[in-house]
Amino acid sequence: YVMGWFRQAPGKEREFVAAIRWRGDSTAYADSVKGRF
């Protein structure tokens, strides 16, 4: 499985935050969290 994190603020749609593939050899981040998460 690819595992990911999403978030949903009040009154907003659920949005992608980050994801990671098996063995961690591929990751993806939302621009809003890059460098911090």
PDB file of all heavy atoms in Angstrom:
ATOM      1  N   TYR A   1       0.812  -1.203   0.000  1.00  0.00           N
ATOM      2  CA  TYR A   1       0.000   0.000   0.000  1.00  0.00           C
ATOM      3  C   TYR A   1       0.856   1.269   0.000  1.00  0.00           C
ATOM      4  O   TYR A   1       1.864   1.353   0.693  1.00  0.00           O
ATOM      5  CB  TYR A   1      -0.905   0.037   1.238  1.00  0.00           C
ATOM      6  CG  TYR A   1      -2.020  -0.967   1.205  1.00  0.00           C
ATOM      7  CD1 TYR A   1      -1.778  -2.305   1.452  1.00  0.00           C
ATOM      8  CD2 TYR A   1      -3.317  -0.564   0.912  1.00  0.00           C
ATOM      9  CE1 TYR A   1      -2.810  -3.228   1.403  1.00  0.00           C
ATOM     10  CE2 TYR A   1      -4.353  -1.473   0.877  1.00  0.00           C
ATOM     11  CZ  TYR A   1      -4.092  -2.808   1.121  1.00  0.00           C
ATOM     12  OH  TYR A   1      -5.113  -3.712   1.070  1.00  0.00           O
ATOM     13  N   VAL A   2       0.404   2.251  -0.740  1.00  0.00           N
ATOM     14  CA  VAL A   2       0.886   3.612  -0.539  1.00  0.00           C
ATOM     15  C   VAL A   2       0.121   4.169   0.657  1.00  0.00           C
ATOM     16  O   VAL A   2      -1.109   4.043   0.733  1.00  0.00           O
ATOM     17  CB  VAL A   2       0.674   4.488  -1.779  1.00  0.00           C
ATOM     18  CG1 VAL A   2       0.941   5.956  -1.466  1.00  0.00           C
ATOM     19  CG2 VAL A   2       1.579   4.019  -2.911  1.00  0.00           C
ATOM     20  N   MET A   3       0.859   4.753   1.589  1.00  0.00           N
ATOM     21  CA  MET A   3       0.251   5.334   2.783  1.00  0.00           C
ATOM     22  C   MET A   3       0.325   6.849   2.688  1.00  0.00           C
ATOM     23  O   MET A   3       1.319   7.411   2.217  1.00  0.00           O
ATOM     24  CB  MET A   3       0.996   4.875   4.035  1.00  0.00           C
ATOM     25  CG  MET A   3       1.078   3.373   4.186  1.00  0.00           C
ATOM     26  SD  MET A   3      -0.543   2.624   4.358  1.00  0.00           S
ATOM     27  CE  MET A   3      -1.104   3.366   5.891  1.00  0.00           C
ATOM     28  N   GLY A   4      -0.724   7.487   3.141  1.00  0.00           N
ATOM     29  CA  GLY A   4      -0.734   8.940   3.035  1.00  0.00           C
ATOM     30  C   GLY A   4      -1.411   9.609   4.213  1.00  0.00           C
ATOM     31  O   GLY A   4      -2.053   8.954   5.040  1.00  0.00           O
ATOM     32  N   TRP A   5      -1.232  10.917   4.270  1.00  0.00           N
ATOM     33  CA  TRP A   5      -1.927  11.756   5.242  1.00  0.00           C
ATOM     34  C   TRP A   5      -2.698  12.833   4.493  1.00  0.00           C
ATOM     35  O   TRP A   5      -2.179  13.445   3.549  1.00  0.00           O
ATOM     36  CB  TRP A   5      -0.940  12.415   6.201  1.00  0.00           C
ATOM     37  CG  TRP A   5      -0.312  11.474   7.172  1.00  0.00           C
ATOM     38  CD1 TRP A   5       0.867  10.806   7.036  1.00  0.00           C
ATOM     39  CD2 TRP A   5      -0.846  11.078   8.439  1.00  0.00           C
ATOM     40  NE1 TRP A   5       1.097  10.019   8.128  1.00  0.00           N
ATOM     41  CE2 TRP A   5       0.061  10.171   9.028  1.00  0.00           C
ATOM     42  CE3 TRP A   5      -1.999  11.411   9.153  1.00  0.00           C
ATOM     43  CZ2 TRP A   5      -0.142   9.587  10.274  1.00  0.00           C
ATOM     44  CZ3 TRP A   5      -2.209  10.833  10.392  1.00  0.00           C
ATOM     45  CH2 TRP A   5      -1.286   9.932  10.950  1.00  0.00           C
ATOM     46  N   PHE A   6      -3.907  13.028   4.911  1.00  0.00           N
ATOM     47  CA  PHE A   6      -4.761  14.092   4.407  1.00  0.00           C
ATOM     48  C   PHE A   6      -5.236  14.897   5.603  1.00  0.00           C
ATOM     49  O   PHE A   6      -5.131  14.455   6.741  1.00  0.00           O
ATOM     50  CB  PHE A   6      -5.969  13.511   3.667  1.00  0.00           C
ATOM     51  CG  PHE A   6      -5.626  12.874   2.347  1.00  0.00           C
ATOM     52  CD1 PHE A   6      -4.918  11.680   2.291  1.00  0.00           C
ATOM     53  CD2 PHE A   6      -6.019  13.460   1.150  1.00  0.00           C
ATOM     54  CE1 PHE A   6      -4.603  11.092   1.082  1.00  0.00           C
ATOM     55  CE2 PHE A   6      -5.699  12.881  -0.069  1.00  0.00           C
ATOM     56  CZ  PHE A   6      -4.999  11.695  -0.101  1.00  0.00           C
ATOM     57  N   ARG A   7      -5.768  16.084   5.337  1.00  0.00           N
ATOM     58  CA  ARG A   7      -6.315  16.885   6.434  1.00  0.00           C
ATOM     59  C   ARG A   7      -7.552  17.625   5.963  1.00  0.00           C
ATOM     60  O   ARG A   7      -7.712  17.900   4.777  1.00  0.00           O
ATOM     61  CB  ARG A   7      -5.271  17.861   6.958  1.00  0.00           C
ATOM     62  CG  ARG A   7      -4.855  18.953   5.978  1.00  0.00           C
ATOM     63  CD  ARG A   7      -3.693  19.765   6.545  1.00  0.00           C
ATOM     64  NE  ARG A   7      -3.295  20.850   5.654  1.00  0.00           N
ATOM     65  CZ  ARG A   7      -2.236  21.623   5.859  1.00  0.00           C
ATOM     66  NH1 ARG A   7      -1.461  21.432   6.932  1.00  0.00           N
ATOM     67  NH2 ARG A   7      -1.935  22.589   5.007  1.00  0.00           N
ATOM     68  N   GLN A   8      -8.391  17.930   6.939  1.00  0.00           N
ATOM     69  CA  GLN A   8      -9.619  18.656   6.638  1.00  0.00           C
ATOM     70  C   GLN A   8      -9.859  19.695   7.718  1.00  0.00           C
ATOM     71  O   GLN A   8     -10.042  19.356   8.897  1.00  0.00           O
ATOM     72  CB  GLN A   8     -10.813  17.701   6.543  1.00  0.00           C
ATOM     73  CG  GLN A   8     -12.074  18.359   6.055  1.00  0.00           C
ATOM     74  CD  GLN A   8     -13.125  17.343   5.631  1.00  0.00           C
ATOM     75  OE1 GLN A   8     -13.052  16.155   5.937  1.00  0.00           O
ATOM     76  NE2 GLN A   8     -14.111  17.811   4.889  1.00  0.00           N
ATOM     77  N   ALA A   9      -9.827  20.947   7.303  1.00  0.00           N
ATOM     78  CA  ALA A   9     -10.100  22.055   8.209  1.00  0.00           C
ATOM     79  C   ALA A   9     -11.603  22.356   8.190  1.00  0.00           C
ATOM     80  O   ALA A   9     -12.291  22.016   7.216  1.00  0.00           O
ATOM     81  CB  ALA A   9      -9.303  23.281   7.794  1.00  0.00           C
ATOM     82  N   PRO A  10     -12.115  22.995   9.225  1.00  0.00           N
ATOM     83  CA  PRO A  10     -13.547  23.305   9.266  1.00  0.00           C
ATOM     84  C   PRO A  10     -13.984  24.113   8.051  1.00  0.00           C
ATOM     85  O   PRO A  10     -13.348  25.107   7.690  1.00  0.00           O
ATOM     86  CB  PRO A  10     -13.687  24.118  10.553  1.00  0.00           C
ATOM     87  CG  PRO A  10     -12.563  23.670  11.405  1.00  0.00           C
ATOM     88  CD  PRO A  10     -11.423  23.396  10.459  1.00  0.00           C
ATOM     89  N   GLY A  11     -15.049  23.651   7.407  1.00  0.00           N
ATOM     90  CA  GLY A  11     -15.586  24.359   6.259  1.00  0.00           C
ATOM     91  C   GLY A  11     -14.818  24.172   4.974  1.00  0.00           C
ATOM     92  O   GLY A  11     -15.149  24.798   3.960  1.00  0.00           O
ATOM     93  N   LYS A  12     -13.799  23.323   4.995  1.00  0.00           N
ATOM     94  CA  LYS A  12     -12.984  23.107   3.794  1.00  0.00           C
ATOM     95  C   LYS A  12     -13.009  21.647   3.386  1.00  0.00           C
ATOM     96  O   LYS A  12     -13.354  20.773   4.181  1.00  0.00           O
ATOM     97  CB  LYS A  12     -11.549  23.559   4.038  1.00  0.00           C
ATOM     98  CG  LYS A  12     -11.403  25.050   4.274  1.00  0.00           C
ATOM     99  CD  LYS A  12      -9.947  25.451   4.338  1.00  0.00           C
ATOM    100  CE  LYS A  12      -9.790  26.954   4.507  1.00  0.00           C
ATOM    101  NZ  LYS A  12      -8.357  27.355   4.541  1.00  0.00           N
ATOM    102  N   GLU A  13     -12.619  21.397   2.143  1.00  0.00           N
ATOM    103  CA  GLU A  13     -12.552  20.030   1.675  1.00  0.00           C
ATOM    104  C   GLU A  13     -11.279  19.350   2.188  1.00  0.00           C
ATOM    105  O   GLU A  13     -10.287  19.996   2.525  1.00  0.00           O
ATOM    106  CB  GLU A  13     -12.574  20.003   0.138  1.00  0.00           C
ATOM    107  CG  GLU A  13     -13.892  20.463  -0.452  1.00  0.00           C
ATOM    108  CD  GLU A  13     -14.035  20.090  -1.908  1.00  0.00           C
ATOM    109  OE1 GLU A  13     -13.073  19.543  -2.492  1.00  0.00           O
ATOM    110  OE2 GLU A  13     -15.110  20.345  -2.477  1.00  0.00           O
ATOM    111  N   ARG A  14     -11.349  18.029   2.214  1.00  0.00           N
ATOM    112  CA  ARG A  14     -10.188  17.257   2.612  1.00  0.00           C
ATOM    113  C   ARG A  14      -9.090  17.436   1.563  1.00  0.00           C
ATOM    114  O   ARG A  14      -9.350  17.384   0.366  1.00  0.00           O
ATOM    115  CB  ARG A  14     -10.557  15.783   2.751  1.00  0.00           C
ATOM    116  CG  ARG A  14      -9.528  14.951   3.462  1.00  0.00           C
ATOM    117  CD  ARG A  14     -10.076  13.574   3.803  1.00  0.00           C
ATOM    118  NE  ARG A  14     -11.232  13.649   4.686  1.00  0.00           N
ATOM    119  CZ  ARG A  14     -11.807  12.593   5.254  1.00  0.00           C
ATOM    120  NH1 ARG A  14     -11.299  11.382   5.027  1.00  0.00           N
ATOM    121  NH2 ARG A  14     -12.855  12.741   6.028  1.00  0.00           N
ATOM    122  N   GLU A  15      -7.858  17.639   2.041  1.00  0.00           N
ATOM    123  CA  GLU A  15      -6.759  17.884   1.113  1.00  0.00           C
ATOM    124  C   GLU A  15      -5.572  16.982   1.408  1.00  0.00           C
ATOM    125  O   GLU A  15      -5.339  16.573   2.554  1.00  0.00           O
ATOM    126  CB  GLU A  15      -6.307  19.350   1.176  1.00  0.00           C
ATOM    127  CG  GLU A  15      -5.724  19.786   2.500  1.00  0.00           C
ATOM    128  CD  GLU A  15      -5.197  21.208   2.468  1.00  0.00           C
ATOM    129  OE1 GLU A  15      -5.364  21.903   1.456  1.00  0.00           O
ATOM    130  OE2 GLU A  15      -4.595  21.621   3.481  1.00  0.00           O
ATOM    131  N   PHE A  16      -4.821  16.706   0.372  1.00  0.00           N
ATOM    132  CA  PHE A  16      -3.638  15.875   0.476  1.00  0.00           C
ATOM    133  C   PHE A  16      -2.545  16.599   1.248  1.00  0.00           C
ATOM    134  O   PHE A  16      -2.346  17.813   1.082  1.00  0.00           O
ATOM    135  CB  PHE A  16      -3.145  15.537  -0.933  1.00  0.00           C
ATOM    136  CG  PHE A  16      -1.808  14.876  -0.985  1.00  0.00           C
ATOM    137  CD1 PHE A  16      -1.675  13.533  -0.682  1.00  0.00           C
ATOM    138  CD2 PHE A  16      -0.670  15.597  -1.321  1.00  0.00           C
ATOM    139  CE1 PHE A  16      -0.440  12.919  -0.726  1.00  0.00           C
ATOM    140  CE2 PHE A  16       0.573  15.001  -1.367  1.00  0.00           C
ATOM    141  CZ  PHE A  16       0.683  13.644  -1.068  1.00  0.00           C
ATOM    142  N   VAL A  17      -1.809  15.844   2.067  1.00  0.00           N
ATOM    143  CA  VAL A  17      -0.682  16.395   2.809  1.00  0.00           C
ATOM    144  C   VAL A  17       0.622  15.726   2.380  1.00  0.00           C
ATOM    145  O   VAL A  17       1.574  16.396   1.972  1.00  0.00           O
ATOM    146  CB  VAL A  17      -0.871  16.230   4.327  1.00  0.00           C
ATOM    147  CG1 VAL A  17       0.366  16.706   5.080  1.00  0.00           C
ATOM    148  CG2 VAL A  17      -2.113  16.985   4.800  1.00  0.00           C
ATOM    149  N   ALA A  18       0.680  14.386   2.487  1.00  0.00           N
ATOM    150  CA  ALA A  18       1.919  13.680   2.172  1.00  0.00           C
ATOM    151  C   ALA A  18       1.603  12.212   1.907  1.00  0.00           C
ATOM    152  O   ALA A  18       0.586  11.696   2.378  1.00  0.00           O
ATOM    153  CB  ALA A  18       2.934  13.800   3.304  1.00  0.00           C
ATOM    154  N   ALA A  19       2.483  11.541   1.164  1.00  0.00           N
ATOM    155  CA  ALA A  19       2.322  10.117   0.892  1.00  0.00           C
ATOM    156  C   ALA A  19       3.688   9.465   0.783  1.00  0.00           C
ATOM    157  O   ALA A  19       4.690  10.132   0.466  1.00  0.00           O
ATOM    158  CB  ALA A  19       1.522   9.890  -0.395  1.00  0.00           C
ATOM    159  N   ILE A  20       3.707   8.151   1.015  1.00  0.00           N
ATOM    160  CA  ILE A  20       4.962   7.413   0.970  1.00  0.00           C
ATOM    161  C   ILE A  20       4.714   6.006   0.452  1.00  0.00           C
ATOM    162  O   ILE A  20       3.714   5.369   0.774  1.00  0.00           O
ATOM    163  CB  ILE A  20       5.624   7.382   2.372  1.00  0.00           C
ATOM    164  CG1 ILE A  20       7.031   6.793   2.310  1.00  0.00           C
ATOM    165  CG2 ILE A  20       4.751   6.634   3.385  1.00  0.00           C
ATOM    166  CD1 ILE A  20       7.844   7.042   3.579  1.00  0.00           C
ATOM    167  N   ARG A  21       5.638   5.533  -0.366  1.00  0.00           N
ATOM    168  CA  ARG A  21       5.532   4.186  -0.934  1.00  0.00           C
ATOM    169  C   ARG A  21       6.274   3.178  -0.073  1.00  0.00           C
ATOM    170  O   ARG A  21       7.033   3.550   0.813  1.00  0.00           O
ATOM    171  CB  ARG A  21       6.095   4.194  -2.351  1.00  0.00           C
ATOM    172  CG  ARG A  21       5.549   3.151  -3.291  1.00  0.00           C
ATOM    173  CD  ARG A  21       6.021   3.401  -4.706  1.00  0.00           C
ATOM    174  NE  ARG A  21       7.437   3.076  -4.856  1.00  0.00           N
ATOM    175  CZ  ARG A  21       7.897   2.006  -5.482  1.00  0.00           C
ATOM    176  NH1 ARG A  21       7.041   1.127  -5.973  1.00  0.00           N
ATOM    177  NH2 ARG A  21       9.180   1.807  -5.624  1.00  0.00           N
ATOM    178  N   TRP A  22       6.086   1.916  -0.365  1.00  0.00           N
ATOM    179  CA  TRP A  22       6.799   0.834   0.299  1.00  0.00           C
ATOM    180  C   TRP A  22       8.294   1.113   0.311  1.00  0.00           C
ATOM    181  O   TRP A  22       8.834   1.587  -0.675  1.00  0.00           O
ATOM    182  CB  TRP A  22       6.519  -0.460  -0.463  1.00  0.00           C
ATOM    183  CG  TRP A  22       7.156  -1.666   0.122  1.00  0.00           C
ATOM    184  CD1 TRP A  22       7.203  -2.008   1.435  1.00  0.00           C
ATOM    185  CD2 TRP A  22       7.799  -2.696  -0.587  1.00  0.00           C
ATOM    186  NE1 TRP A  22       7.843  -3.215   1.575  1.00  0.00           N
ATOM    187  CE2 TRP A  22       8.217  -3.659   0.358  1.00  0.00           C
ATOM    188  CE3 TRP A  22       8.068  -2.919  -1.944  1.00  0.00           C
ATOM    189  CZ2 TRP A  22       8.879  -4.807  -0.012  1.00  0.00           C
ATOM    190  CZ3 TRP A  22       8.740  -4.077  -2.295  1.00  0.00           C
ATOM    191  CH2 TRP A  22       9.145  -5.001  -1.333  1.00  0.00           C
ATOM    192  N   ARG A  23       8.910   0.872   1.432  1.00  0.00           N
ATOM    193  CA  ARG A  23      10.331   1.089   1.674  1.00  0.00           C
ATOM    194  C   ARG A  23      10.709   2.567   1.703  1.00  0.00           C
ATOM    195  O   ARG A  23      11.874   2.907   1.845  1.00  0.00           O
ATOM    196  CB  ARG A  23      11.219   0.382   0.649  1.00  0.00           C
ATOM    197  CG  ARG A  23      11.173  -1.129   0.729  1.00  0.00           C
ATOM    198  CD  ARG A  23      12.077  -1.759  -0.320  1.00  0.00           C
ATOM    199  NE  ARG A  23      12.081  -3.206  -0.245  1.00  0.00           N
ATOM    200  CZ  ARG A  23      12.674  -3.993  -1.123  1.00  0.00           C
ATOM    201  NH1 ARG A  23      13.314  -3.469  -2.145  1.00  0.00           N
ATOM    202  NH2 ARG A  23      12.646  -5.304  -0.987  1.00  0.00           N
ATOM    203  N   GLY A  24       9.720   3.415   1.550  1.00  0.00           N
ATOM    204  CA  GLY A  24      10.005   4.843   1.636  1.00  0.00           C
ATOM    205  C   GLY A  24      10.822   5.380   0.489  1.00  0.00           C
ATOM    206  O   GLY A  24      11.405   6.464   0.602  1.00  0.00           O
ATOM    207  N   ASP A  25      10.848   4.670  -0.649  1.00  0.00           N
ATOM    208  CA  ASP A  25      11.692   5.108  -1.756  1.00  0.00           C
ATOM    209  C   ASP A  25      11.020   6.136  -2.649  1.00  0.00           C
ATOM    210  O   ASP A  25      11.599   6.604  -3.618  1.00  0.00           O
ATOM    211  CB  ASP A  25      12.163   3.913  -2.588  1.00  0.00           C
ATOM    212  CG  ASP A  25      11.004   3.124  -3.176  1.00  0.00           C
ATOM    213  OD1 ASP A  25       9.850   3.409  -2.836  1.00  0.00           O
ATOM    214  OD2 ASP A  25      11.268   2.208  -3.972  1.00  0.00           O
ATOM    215  N   SER A  26       9.801   6.476  -2.297  1.00  0.00           N
ATOM    216  CA  SER A  26       9.112   7.541  -3.023  1.00  0.00           C
ATOM    217  C   SER A  26       8.199   8.263  -2.062  1.00  0.00           C
ATOM    218  O   SER A  26       7.438   7.640  -1.326  1.00  0.00           O
ATOM    219  CB  SER A  26       8.290   6.959  -4.177  1.00  0.00           C
ATOM    220  OG  SER A  26       7.526   7.974  -4.805  1.00  0.00           O
ATOM    221  N   THR A  27       8.298   9.567  -2.043  1.00  0.00           N
ATOM    222  CA  THR A  27       7.421  10.383  -1.211  1.00  0.00           C
ATOM    223  C   THR A  27       6.858  11.537  -2.036  1.00  0.00           C
ATOM    224  O   THR A  27       7.403  11.898  -3.080  1.00  0.00           O
ATOM    225  CB  THR A  27       8.164  10.973   0.009  1.00  0.00           C
ATOM    226  OG1 THR A  27       9.275  11.747  -0.456  1.00  0.00           O
ATOM    227  CG2 THR A  27       8.658   9.884   0.947  1.00  0.00           C
ATOM    228  N   ALA A  28       5.761  12.075  -1.550  1.00  0.00           N
ATOM    229  CA  ALA A  28       5.157  13.245  -2.183  1.00  0.00           C
ATOM    230  C   ALA A  28       4.601  14.135  -1.086  1.00  0.00           C
ATOM    231  O   ALA A  28       4.131  13.637  -0.057  1.00  0.00           O
ATOM    232  CB  ALA A  28       4.052  12.835  -3.149  1.00  0.00           C
ATOM    233  N   TYR A  29       4.658  15.446  -1.305  1.00  0.00           N
ATOM    234  CA  TYR A  29       4.187  16.406  -0.314  1.00  0.00           C
ATOM    235  C   TYR A  29       3.379  17.499  -0.989  1.00  0.00           C
ATOM    236  O   TYR A  29       3.657  17.887  -2.133  1.00  0.00           O
ATOM    237  CB  TYR A  29       5.367  17.068   0.407  1.00  0.00           C
ATOM    238  CG  TYR A  29       6.188  16.148   1.266  1.00  0.00           C
ATOM    239  CD1 TYR A  29       7.303  15.485   0.756  1.00  0.00           C
ATOM    240  CD2 TYR A  29       5.850  15.935   2.601  1.00  0.00           C
ATOM    241  CE1 TYR A  29       8.052  14.635   1.542  1.00  0.00           C
ATOM    242  CE2 TYR A  29       6.599  15.081   3.401  1.00  0.00           C
ATOM    243  CZ  TYR A  29       7.699  14.437   2.867  1.00  0.00           C
ATOM    244  OH  TYR A  29       8.442  13.603   3.661  1.00  0.00           O
ATOM    245  N   ALA A  30       2.406  18.003  -0.263  1.00  0.00           N
ATOM    246  CA  ALA A  30       1.729  19.210  -0.712  1.00  0.00           C
ATOM    247  C   ALA A  30       2.700  20.379  -0.606  1.00  0.00           C
ATOM    248  O   ALA A  30       3.556  20.411   0.292  1.00  0.00           O
ATOM    249  CB  ALA A  30       0.503  19.473   0.154  1.00  0.00           C
ATOM    250  N   ASP A  31       2.582  21.333  -1.497  1.00  0.00           N
ATOM    251  CA  ASP A  31       3.480  22.485  -1.480  1.00  0.00           C
ATOM    252  C   ASP A  31       3.429  23.218  -0.143  1.00  0.00           C
ATOM    253  O   ASP A  31       4.438  23.753   0.316  1.00  0.00           O
ATOM    254  CB  ASP A  31       3.119  23.449  -2.617  1.00  0.00           C
ATOM    255  CG  ASP A  31       3.503  22.913  -3.985  1.00  0.00           C
ATOM    256  OD1 ASP A  31       4.320  21.975  -4.053  1.00  0.00           O
ATOM    257  OD2 ASP A  31       2.974  23.432  -4.983  1.00  0.00           O
ATOM    258  N   SER A  32       2.267  23.236   0.471  1.00  0.00           N
ATOM    259  CA  SER A  32       2.085  23.993   1.705  1.00  0.00           C
ATOM    260  C   SER A  32       2.857  23.423   2.888  1.00  0.00           C
ATOM    261  O   SER A  32       3.044  24.111   3.894  1.00  0.00           O
ATOM    262  CB  SER A  32       0.599  24.063   2.051  1.00  0.00           C
ATOM    263  OG  SER A  32       0.058  22.765   2.209  1.00  0.00           O
ATOM    264  N   VAL A  33       3.309  22.167   2.783  1.00  0.00           N
ATOM    265  CA  VAL A  33       4.012  21.547   3.912  1.00  0.00           C
ATOM    266  C   VAL A  33       5.449  21.161   3.587  1.00  0.00           C
ATOM    267  O   VAL A  33       6.180  20.705   4.476  1.00  0.00           O
ATOM    268  CB  VAL A  33       3.245  20.303   4.426  1.00  0.00           C
ATOM    269  CG1 VAL A  33       1.798  20.665   4.747  1.00  0.00           C
ATOM    270  CG2 VAL A  33       3.316  19.140   3.450  1.00  0.00           C
ATOM    271  N   LYS A  34       5.858  21.331   2.350  1.00  0.00           N
ATOM    272  CA  LYS A  34       7.224  20.969   1.965  1.00  0.00           C
ATOM    273  C   LYS A  34       8.236  21.719   2.810  1.00  0.00           C
ATOM    274  O   LYS A  34       8.124  22.928   3.025  1.00  0.00           O
ATOM    275  CB  LYS A  34       7.449  21.282   0.480  1.00  0.00           C
ATOM    276  CG  LYS A  34       6.895  20.242  -0.458  1.00  0.00           C
ATOM    277  CD  LYS A  34       7.190  20.605  -1.916  1.00  0.00           C
ATOM    278  CE  LYS A  34       6.604  19.592  -2.868  1.00  0.00           C
ATOM    279  NZ  LYS A  34       6.807  19.974  -4.289  1.00  0.00           N
ATOM    280  N   GLY A  35       9.233  20.982   3.276  1.00  0.00           N
ATOM    281  CA  GLY A  35      10.272  21.588   4.105  1.00  0.00           C
ATOM    282  C   GLY A  35       9.924  21.653   5.577  1.00  0.00           C
ATOM    283  O   GLY A  35      10.794  21.941   6.402  1.00  0.00           O
ATOM    284  N   ARG A  36       8.660  21.399   5.903  1.00  0.00           N
ATOM    285  CA  ARG A  36       8.238  21.444   7.311  1.00  0.00           C
ATOM    286  C   ARG A  36       7.776  20.084   7.823  1.00  0.00           C
ATOM    287  O   ARG A  36       7.990  19.758   8.984  1.00  0.00           O
ATOM    288  CB  ARG A  36       7.095  22.449   7.484  1.00  0.00           C
ATOM    289  CG  ARG A  36       7.441  23.871   7.076  1.00  0.00           C
ATOM    290  CD  ARG A  36       6.333  24.844   7.465  1.00  0.00           C
ATOM    291  NE  ARG A  36       5.073  24.552   6.781  1.00  0.00           N
ATOM    292  CZ  ARG A  36       3.921  24.296   7.427  1.00  0.00           C
ATOM    293  NH1 ARG A  36       3.884  24.294   8.753  1.00  0.00           N
ATOM    294  NH2 ARG A  36       2.820  24.059   6.732  1.00  0.00           N
ATOM    295  N   PHE A  37       7.145  19.312   6.959  1.00  0.00           N
ATOM    296  CA  PHE A  37       6.624  18.001   7.342  1.00  0.00           C
ATOM    297  C   PHE A  37       7.474  16.911   6.699  1.00  0.00           C
ATOM    298  O   PHE A  37       7.959  17.066   5.567  1.00  0.00           O
ATOM    299  CB  PHE A  37       5.190  17.819   6.860  1.00  0.00           C
ATOM    300  CG  PHE A  37       4.165  18.676   7.553  1.00  0.00           C
ATOM    301  CD1 PHE A  37       4.519  19.713   8.403  1.00  0.00           C
ATOM    302  CD2 PHE A  37       2.813  18.433   7.352  1.00  0.00           C
ATOM    303  CE1 PHE A  37       3.562  20.502   9.031  1.00  0.00           C
ATOM    304  CE2 PHE A  37       1.842  19.207   7.976  1.00  0.00           C
ATOM    305  CZ  PHE A  37       2.219  20.242   8.806  1.00  0.00           C
TER     306      PHE A  37
END
